[in-house]
């Protein structure tokens, strides 16, 4: 997996740092403000064709309070078409 956008993501508003290792990408955000939505773009490039792609889990949690968390699944749009 290549991460083309990691340089831009590292300099994005409220992003402290970005780490990627194998199949995980960690984005450390300095703070989230209540009722203020933020959007980030992460572009991943598939290097090898894969059959039966499974949804990816996207998890957000407070680094200092890991029990305060939520997650969802991301399904690549071409899989459902």
PDB file of N, CA and C in Angstrom:
ATOM      1  N   UNK A   1       0.840  -1.160   0.000  1.00  0.00           N
ATOM      2  CA  UNK A   1       0.000   0.000   0.000  1.00  0.00           C
ATOM      3  C   UNK A   1       0.891   1.232   0.000  1.00  0.00           C
ATOM      4  N   UNK A   2       0.590   2.174  -0.870  1.00  0.00           N
ATOM      5  CA  UNK A   2       1.297   3.454  -0.903  1.00  0.00           C
ATOM      6  C   UNK A   2       0.422   4.512  -0.254  1.00  0.00           C
ATOM      7  N   UNK A   3       1.052   5.460   0.409  1.00  0.00           N
ATOM      8  CA  UNK A   3       0.313   6.577   0.984  1.00  0.00           C
ATOM      9  C   UNK A   3       0.787   7.862   0.333  1.00  0.00           C
ATOM     10  N   UNK A   4       0.140   8.254  -0.754  1.00  0.00           N
ATOM     11  CA  UNK A   4       0.540   9.465  -1.453  1.00  0.00           C
ATOM     12  C   UNK A   4       0.240  10.721  -0.661  1.00  0.00           C
ATOM     13  N   UNK A   5      -0.848  10.736   0.063  1.00  0.00           N
ATOM     14  CA  UNK A   5      -1.311  11.950   0.711  1.00  0.00           C
ATOM     15  C   UNK A   5      -0.734  12.157   2.103  1.00  0.00           C
ATOM     16  N   UNK A   6       0.165  11.280   2.561  1.00  0.00           N
ATOM     17  CA  UNK A   6       0.627  11.386   3.939  1.00  0.00           C
ATOM     18  C   UNK A   6       1.303  12.722   4.224  1.00  0.00           C
ATOM     19  N   UNK A   7       2.024  13.289   3.267  1.00  0.00           N
ATOM     20  CA  UNK A   7       2.699  14.563   3.496  1.00  0.00           C
ATOM     21  C   UNK A   7       1.671  15.667   3.699  1.00  0.00           C
ATOM     22  N   UNK A   8       0.635  15.729   2.849  1.00  0.00           N
ATOM     23  CA  UNK A   8      -0.393  16.742   3.007  1.00  0.00           C
ATOM     24  C   UNK A   8      -1.185  16.515   4.297  1.00  0.00           C
ATOM     25  N   UNK A   9      -1.462  15.273   4.632  1.00  0.00           N
ATOM     26  CA  UNK A   9      -2.214  14.961   5.835  1.00  0.00           C
ATOM     27  C   UNK A   9      -1.438  15.372   7.074  1.00  0.00           C
ATOM     28  N   UNK A  10      -0.124  15.197   7.059  1.00  0.00           N
ATOM     29  CA  UNK A  10       0.705  15.591   8.203  1.00  0.00           C
ATOM     30  C   UNK A  10       0.619  17.084   8.470  1.00  0.00           C
ATOM     31  N   UNK A  11       0.402  17.876   7.447  1.00  0.00           N
ATOM     32  CA  UNK A  11       0.326  19.321   7.634  1.00  0.00           C
ATOM     33  C   UNK A  11      -1.090  19.840   7.766  1.00  0.00           C
ATOM     34  N   UNK A  12      -2.075  18.957   7.834  1.00  0.00           N
ATOM     35  CA  UNK A  12      -3.472  19.372   7.889  1.00  0.00           C
ATOM     36  C   UNK A  12      -3.825  19.964   9.249  1.00  0.00           C
ATOM     37  N   UNK A  13      -4.867  20.745   9.272  1.00  0.00           N
ATOM     38  CA  UNK A  13      -5.358  21.380  10.482  1.00  0.00           C
ATOM     39  C   UNK A  13      -5.608  20.350  11.583  1.00  0.00           C
ATOM     40  N   UNK A  14      -5.073  20.585  12.756  1.00  0.00           N
ATOM     41  CA  UNK A  14      -5.246  19.767  13.954  1.00  0.00           C
ATOM     42  C   UNK A  14      -4.542  18.408  13.926  1.00  0.00           C
ATOM     43  N   UNK A  15      -3.819  18.085  12.845  1.00  0.00           N
ATOM     44  CA  UNK A  15      -3.108  16.803  12.776  1.00  0.00           C
ATOM     45  C   UNK A  15      -1.729  16.976  13.400  1.00  0.00           C
ATOM     46  N   UNK A  16      -1.477  16.183  14.439  1.00  0.00           N
ATOM     47  CA  UNK A  16      -0.180  16.230  15.121  1.00  0.00           C
ATOM     48  C   UNK A  16       0.848  15.392  14.377  1.00  0.00           C
ATOM     49  N   UNK A  17       0.464  14.139  14.049  1.00  0.00           N
ATOM     50  CA  UNK A  17       1.373  13.278  13.288  1.00  0.00           C
ATOM     51  C   UNK A  17       0.589  12.157  12.627  1.00  0.00           C
ATOM     52  N   UNK A  18       1.251  11.515  11.646  1.00  0.00           N
ATOM     53  CA  UNK A  18       0.673  10.399  10.906  1.00  0.00           C
ATOM     54  C   UNK A  18       1.700   9.279  10.896  1.00  0.00           C
ATOM     55  N   UNK A  19       1.241   8.075  11.222  1.00  0.00           N
ATOM     56  CA  UNK A  19       2.113   6.902  11.188  1.00  0.00           C
ATOM     57  C   UNK A  19       1.429   5.822  10.357  1.00  0.00           C
ATOM     58  N   UNK A  20       2.215   5.098   9.588  1.00  0.00           N
ATOM     59  CA  UNK A  20       1.661   3.942   8.880  1.00  0.00           C
ATOM     60  C   UNK A  20       2.626   2.783   9.002  1.00  0.00           C
ATOM     61  N   UNK A  21       2.035   1.614   9.256  1.00  0.00           N
ATOM     62  CA  UNK A  21       2.823   0.409   9.454  1.00  0.00           C
ATOM     63  C   UNK A  21       2.006  -0.762   8.933  1.00  0.00           C
ATOM     64  N   UNK A  22       2.468  -1.372   7.863  1.00  0.00           N
ATOM     65  CA  UNK A  22       1.724  -2.494   7.297  1.00  0.00           C
ATOM     66  C   UNK A  22       0.358  -2.056   6.825  1.00  0.00           C
ATOM     67  N   UNK A  23      -0.678  -2.637   7.414  1.00  0.00           N
ATOM     68  CA  UNK A  23      -2.032  -2.316   6.983  1.00  0.00           C
ATOM     69  C   UNK A  23      -2.756  -1.359   7.923  1.00  0.00           C
ATOM     70  N   UNK A  24      -2.022  -0.630   8.767  1.00  0.00           N
ATOM     71  CA  UNK A  24      -2.617   0.327   9.688  1.00  0.00           C
ATOM     72  C   UNK A  24      -2.114   1.732   9.388  1.00  0.00           C
ATOM     73  N   UNK A  25      -3.020   2.692   9.477  1.00  0.00           N
ATOM     74  CA  UNK A  25      -2.674   4.103   9.380  1.00  0.00           C
ATOM     75  C   UNK A  25      -3.193   4.766  10.645  1.00  0.00           C
ATOM     76  N   UNK A  26      -2.316   5.433  11.368  1.00  0.00           N
ATOM     77  CA  UNK A  26      -2.707   6.138  12.586  1.00  0.00           C
ATOM     78  C   UNK A  26      -2.557   7.632  12.357  1.00  0.00           C
ATOM     79  N   UNK A  27      -3.619   8.364  12.614  1.00  0.00           N
ATOM     80  CA  UNK A  27      -3.611   9.820  12.492  1.00  0.00           C
ATOM     81  C   UNK A  27      -3.875  10.387  13.876  1.00  0.00           C
ATOM     82  N   UNK A  28      -2.924  11.120  14.407  1.00  0.00           N
ATOM     83  CA  UNK A  28      -3.047  11.716  15.737  1.00  0.00           C
ATOM     84  C   UNK A  28      -3.544  13.151  15.570  1.00  0.00           C
ATOM     85  N   UNK A  29      -4.718  13.412  16.120  1.00  0.00           N
ATOM     86  CA  UNK A  29      -5.349  14.728  16.021  1.00  0.00           C
ATOM     87  C   UNK A  29      -5.249  15.392  17.383  1.00  0.00           C
ATOM     88  N   UNK A  30      -4.837  16.661  17.403  1.00  0.00           N
ATOM     89  CA  UNK A  30      -4.588  17.337  18.678  1.00  0.00           C
ATOM     90  C   UNK A  30      -5.855  17.560  19.476  1.00  0.00           C
ATOM     91  N   UNK A  31      -6.958  17.848  18.802  1.00  0.00           N
ATOM     92  CA  UNK A  31      -8.215  18.047  19.510  1.00  0.00           C
ATOM     93  C   UNK A  31      -9.380  17.964  18.537  1.00  0.00           C
ATOM     94  N   UNK A  32     -10.533  17.603  19.070  1.00  0.00           N
ATOM     95  CA  UNK A  32     -11.779  17.650  18.308  1.00  0.00           C
ATOM     96  C   UNK A  32     -12.703  18.604  19.041  1.00  0.00           C
ATOM     97  N   UNK A  33     -13.289  19.490  18.297  1.00  0.00           N
ATOM     98  CA  UNK A  33     -14.188  20.460  18.894  1.00  0.00           C
ATOM     99  C   UNK A  33     -15.629  19.998  18.725  1.00  0.00           C
ATOM    100  N   UNK A  34     -16.383  20.066  19.796  1.00  0.00           N
ATOM    101  CA  UNK A  34     -17.786  19.648  19.769  1.00  0.00           C
ATOM    102  C   UNK A  34     -18.551  20.473  18.727  1.00  0.00           C
ATOM    103  N   UNK A  35     -19.336  19.783  17.930  1.00  0.00           N
ATOM    104  CA  UNK A  35     -20.202  20.413  16.921  1.00  0.00           C
ATOM    105  C   UNK A  35     -19.436  21.076  15.776  1.00  0.00           C
ATOM    106  N   UNK A  36     -18.128  20.780  15.640  1.00  0.00           N
ATOM    107  CA  UNK A  36     -17.347  21.332  14.526  1.00  0.00           C
ATOM    108  C   UNK A  36     -16.806  20.168  13.710  1.00  0.00           C
ATOM    109  N   UNK A  37     -17.473  19.852  12.588  1.00  0.00           N
ATOM    110  CA  UNK A  37     -17.001  18.716  11.779  1.00  0.00           C
ATOM    111  C   UNK A  37     -15.689  19.050  11.059  1.00  0.00           C
ATOM    112  N   UNK A  38     -14.829  18.048  10.944  1.00  0.00           N
ATOM    113  CA  UNK A  38     -13.602  18.189  10.157  1.00  0.00           C
ATOM    114  C   UNK A  38     -13.523  17.001   9.204  1.00  0.00           C
ATOM    115  N   UNK A  39     -12.907  17.222   8.075  1.00  0.00           N
ATOM    116  CA  UNK A  39     -12.783  16.178   7.063  1.00  0.00           C
ATOM    117  C   UNK A  39     -11.325  16.091   6.625  1.00  0.00           C
ATOM    118  N   UNK A  40     -10.835  14.863   6.533  1.00  0.00           N
ATOM    119  CA  UNK A  40      -9.488  14.615   6.031  1.00  0.00           C
ATOM    120  C   UNK A  40      -9.587  13.653   4.872  1.00  0.00           C
ATOM    121  N   UNK A  41      -8.629  13.754   3.960  1.00  0.00           N
ATOM    122  CA  UNK A  41      -8.585  12.851   2.815  1.00  0.00           C
ATOM    123  C   UNK A  41      -7.304  12.038   2.879  1.00  0.00           C
ATOM    124  N   UNK A  42      -7.471  10.736   2.763  1.00  0.00           N
ATOM    125  CA  UNK A  42      -6.335   9.822   2.743  1.00  0.00           C
ATOM    126  C   UNK A  42      -6.476   8.975   1.492  1.00  0.00           C
ATOM    127  N   UNK A  43      -5.521   9.095   0.597  1.00  0.00           N
ATOM    128  CA  UNK A  43      -5.568   8.353  -0.658  1.00  0.00           C
ATOM    129  C   UNK A  43      -4.658   7.141  -0.562  1.00  0.00           C
ATOM    130  N   UNK A  44      -5.238   5.968  -0.746  1.00  0.00           N
ATOM    131  CA  UNK A  44      -4.482   4.720  -0.718  1.00  0.00           C
ATOM    132  C   UNK A  44      -4.495   4.117  -2.112  1.00  0.00           C
ATOM    133  N   UNK A  45      -3.379   3.554  -2.524  1.00  0.00           N
ATOM    134  CA  UNK A  45      -3.264   2.959  -3.857  1.00  0.00           C
ATOM    135  C   UNK A  45      -3.072   1.460  -3.708  1.00  0.00           C
ATOM    136  N   UNK A  46      -3.958   0.702  -4.307  1.00  0.00           N
ATOM    137  CA  UNK A  46      -3.864  -0.753  -4.266  1.00  0.00           C
ATOM    138  C   UNK A  46      -2.781  -1.200  -5.241  1.00  0.00           C
ATOM    139  N   UNK A  47      -1.787  -1.913  -4.741  1.00  0.00           N
ATOM    140  CA  UNK A  47      -0.672  -2.354  -5.571  1.00  0.00           C
ATOM    141  C   UNK A  47      -0.939  -3.695  -6.239  1.00  0.00           C
ATOM    142  N   UNK A  48      -1.693  -4.560  -5.608  1.00  0.00           N
ATOM    143  CA  UNK A  48      -1.990  -5.881  -6.145  1.00  0.00           C
ATOM    144  C   UNK A  48      -3.500  -6.093  -6.178  1.00  0.00           C
ATOM    145  N   UNK A  49      -3.994  -6.750  -7.226  1.00  0.00           N
ATOM    146  CA  UNK A  49      -5.427  -7.036  -7.255  1.00  0.00           C
ATOM    147  C   UNK A  49      -5.801  -8.015  -6.146  1.00  0.00           C
ATOM    148  N   UNK A  50      -6.922  -7.750  -5.503  1.00  0.00           N
ATOM    149  CA  UNK A  50      -7.384  -8.588  -4.398  1.00  0.00           C
ATOM    150  C   UNK A  50      -8.838  -8.954  -4.652  1.00  0.00           C
ATOM    151  N   UNK A  51      -9.145 -10.225  -4.533  1.00  0.00           N
ATOM    152  CA  UNK A  51     -10.528 -10.669  -4.676  1.00  0.00           C
ATOM    153  C   UNK A  51     -11.177 -10.704  -3.303  1.00  0.00           C
ATOM    154  N   UNK A  52     -12.487 -10.557  -3.303  1.00  0.00           N
ATOM    155  CA  UNK A  52     -13.277 -10.620  -2.063  1.00  0.00           C
ATOM    156  C   UNK A  52     -12.786  -9.627  -1.010  1.00  0.00           C
ATOM    157  N   UNK A  53     -12.634  -8.362  -1.424  1.00  0.00           N
ATOM    158  CA  UNK A  53     -12.213  -7.337  -0.471  1.00  0.00           C
ATOM    159  C   UNK A  53     -13.196  -7.253   0.688  1.00  0.00           C
ATOM    160  N   UNK A  54     -12.683  -7.140   1.872  1.00  0.00           N
ATOM    161  CA  UNK A  54     -13.492  -7.010   3.077  1.00  0.00           C
ATOM    162  C   UNK A  54     -13.496  -5.547   3.510  1.00  0.00           C
ATOM    163  N   UNK A  55     -14.541  -5.136   4.228  1.00  0.00           N
ATOM    164  CA  UNK A  55     -14.580  -3.758   4.720  1.00  0.00           C
ATOM    165  C   UNK A  55     -13.398  -3.472   5.652  1.00  0.00           C
ATOM    166  N   UNK A  56     -12.942  -2.249   5.618  1.00  0.00           N
ATOM    167  CA  UNK A  56     -11.886  -1.800   6.531  1.00  0.00           C
ATOM    168  C   UNK A  56     -12.556  -1.180   7.754  1.00  0.00           C
ATOM    169  N   UNK A  57     -11.965  -1.361   8.899  1.00  0.00           N
ATOM    170  CA  UNK A  57     -12.495  -0.763  10.118  1.00  0.00           C
ATOM    171  C   UNK A  57     -11.817   0.580  10.342  1.00  0.00           C
ATOM    172  N   UNK A  58     -12.625   1.596  10.562  1.00  0.00           N
ATOM    173  CA  UNK A  58     -12.130   2.926  10.901  1.00  0.00           C
ATOM    174  C   UNK A  58     -12.515   3.165  12.347  1.00  0.00           C
ATOM    175  N   UNK A  59     -11.512   3.403  13.175  1.00  0.00           N
ATOM    176  CA  UNK A  59     -11.763   3.576  14.609  1.00  0.00           C
ATOM    177  C   UNK A  59     -11.234   4.925  15.049  1.00  0.00           C
ATOM    178  N   UNK A  60     -12.004   5.589  15.885  1.00  0.00           N
ATOM    179  CA  UNK A  60     -11.556   6.846  16.484  1.00  0.00           C
ATOM    180  C   UNK A  60     -11.676   6.698  17.992  1.00  0.00           C
ATOM    181  N   UNK A  61     -10.627   7.126  18.692  1.00  0.00           N
ATOM    182  CA  UNK A  61     -10.672   7.038  20.149  1.00  0.00           C
ATOM    183  C   UNK A  61      -9.770   8.099  20.761  1.00  0.00           C
ATOM    184  N   UNK A  62     -10.042   8.390  22.011  1.00  0.00           N
ATOM    185  CA  UNK A  62      -9.241   9.336  22.776  1.00  0.00           C
ATOM    186  C   UNK A  62      -7.989   8.610  23.260  1.00  0.00           C
ATOM    187  N   UNK A  63      -6.831   9.101  22.886  1.00  0.00           N
ATOM    188  CA  UNK A  63      -5.560   8.472  23.242  1.00  0.00           C
ATOM    189  C   UNK A  63      -5.436   8.283  24.748  1.00  0.00           C
ATOM    190  N   UNK A  64      -5.918   9.259  25.508  1.00  0.00           N
ATOM    191  CA  UNK A  64      -5.782   9.208  26.962  1.00  0.00           C
ATOM    192  C   UNK A  64      -6.951   8.491  27.644  1.00  0.00           C
ATOM    193  N   UNK A  65      -8.037   8.285  26.910  1.00  0.00           N
ATOM    194  CA  UNK A  65      -9.210   7.563  27.422  1.00  0.00           C
ATOM    195  C   UNK A  65      -9.655   6.568  26.353  1.00  0.00           C
ATOM    196  N   UNK A  66      -8.905   5.484  26.120  1.00  0.00           N
ATOM    197  CA  UNK A  66      -9.220   4.551  25.034  1.00  0.00           C
ATOM    198  C   UNK A  66     -10.633   3.969  25.091  1.00  0.00           C
ATOM    199  N   UNK A  67     -11.246   3.963  26.273  1.00  0.00           N
ATOM    200  CA  UNK A  67     -12.613   3.446  26.362  1.00  0.00           C
ATOM    201  C   UNK A  67     -13.612   4.395  25.694  1.00  0.00           C
ATOM    202  N   UNK A  68     -13.221   5.636  25.482  1.00  0.00           N
ATOM    203  CA  UNK A  68     -14.063   6.613  24.793  1.00  0.00           C
ATOM    204  C   UNK A  68     -13.773   6.488  23.300  1.00  0.00           C
ATOM    205  N   UNK A  69     -14.548   5.621  22.603  1.00  0.00           N
ATOM    206  CA  UNK A  69     -14.227   5.302  21.218  1.00  0.00           C
ATOM    207  C   UNK A  69     -15.479   5.018  20.392  1.00  0.00           C
ATOM    208  N   UNK A  70     -15.287   4.984  19.100  1.00  0.00           N
ATOM    209  CA  UNK A  70     -16.334   4.590  18.164  1.00  0.00           C
ATOM    210  C   UNK A  70     -15.638   4.031  16.927  1.00  0.00           C
ATOM    211  N   UNK A  71     -16.335   3.177  16.193  1.00  0.00           N
ATOM    212  CA  UNK A  71     -15.768   2.659  14.958  1.00  0.00           C
ATOM    213  C   UNK A  71     -16.869   2.439  13.936  1.00  0.00           C
ATOM    214  N   UNK A  72     -16.450   2.330  12.693  1.00  0.00           N
ATOM    215  CA  UNK A  72     -17.355   2.075  11.585  1.00  0.00           C
ATOM    216  C   UNK A  72     -16.584   1.311  10.529  1.00  0.00           C
ATOM    217  N   UNK A  73     -17.293   0.816   9.517  1.00  0.00           N
ATOM    218  CA  UNK A  73     -16.628   0.100   8.422  1.00  0.00           C
ATOM    219  C   UNK A  73     -16.622   0.968   7.173  1.00  0.00           C
ATOM    220  N   UNK A  74     -15.529   0.893   6.434  1.00  0.00           N
ATOM    221  CA  UNK A  74     -15.429   1.561   5.144  1.00  0.00           C
ATOM    222  C   UNK A  74     -15.401   0.486   4.077  1.00  0.00           C
ATOM    223  N   UNK A  75     -16.304   0.600   3.109  1.00  0.00           N
ATOM    224  CA  UNK A  75     -16.361  -0.346   2.004  1.00  0.00           C
ATOM    225  C   UNK A  75     -15.983   0.392   0.729  1.00  0.00           C
ATOM    226  N   UNK A  76     -14.959  -0.098   0.065  1.00  0.00           N
ATOM    227  CA  UNK A  76     -14.508   0.507  -1.184  1.00  0.00           C
ATOM    228  C   UNK A  76     -15.683   0.521  -2.170  1.00  0.00           C
ATOM    229  N   UNK A  77     -16.018   1.683  -2.755  1.00  0.00           N
ATOM    230  CA  UNK A  77     -17.214   1.813  -3.594  1.00  0.00           C
ATOM    231  C   UNK A  77     -17.292   0.820  -4.756  1.00  0.00           C
ATOM    232  N   UNK A  78     -16.164   0.464  -5.357  1.00  0.00           N
ATOM    233  CA  UNK A  78     -16.198  -0.437  -6.507  1.00  0.00           C
ATOM    234  C   UNK A  78     -16.612  -1.861  -6.118  1.00  0.00           C
ATOM    235  N   UNK A  79     -16.477  -2.214  -4.857  1.00  0.00           N
ATOM    236  CA  UNK A  79     -16.842  -3.549  -4.391  1.00  0.00           C
ATOM    237  C   UNK A  79     -18.357  -3.717  -4.414  1.00  0.00           C
ATOM    238  N   UNK A  80     -19.081  -2.653  -4.069  1.00  0.00           N
ATOM    239  CA  UNK A  80     -20.536  -2.738  -3.988  1.00  0.00           C
ATOM    240  C   UNK A  80     -21.214  -2.508  -5.323  1.00  0.00           C
ATOM    241  N   UNK A  81     -20.481  -2.071  -6.322  1.00  0.00           N
ATOM    242  CA  UNK A  81     -21.071  -1.775  -7.644  1.00  0.00           C
ATOM    243  C   UNK A  81     -21.261  -3.038  -8.457  1.00  0.00           C
TER     244      UNK A  81
END
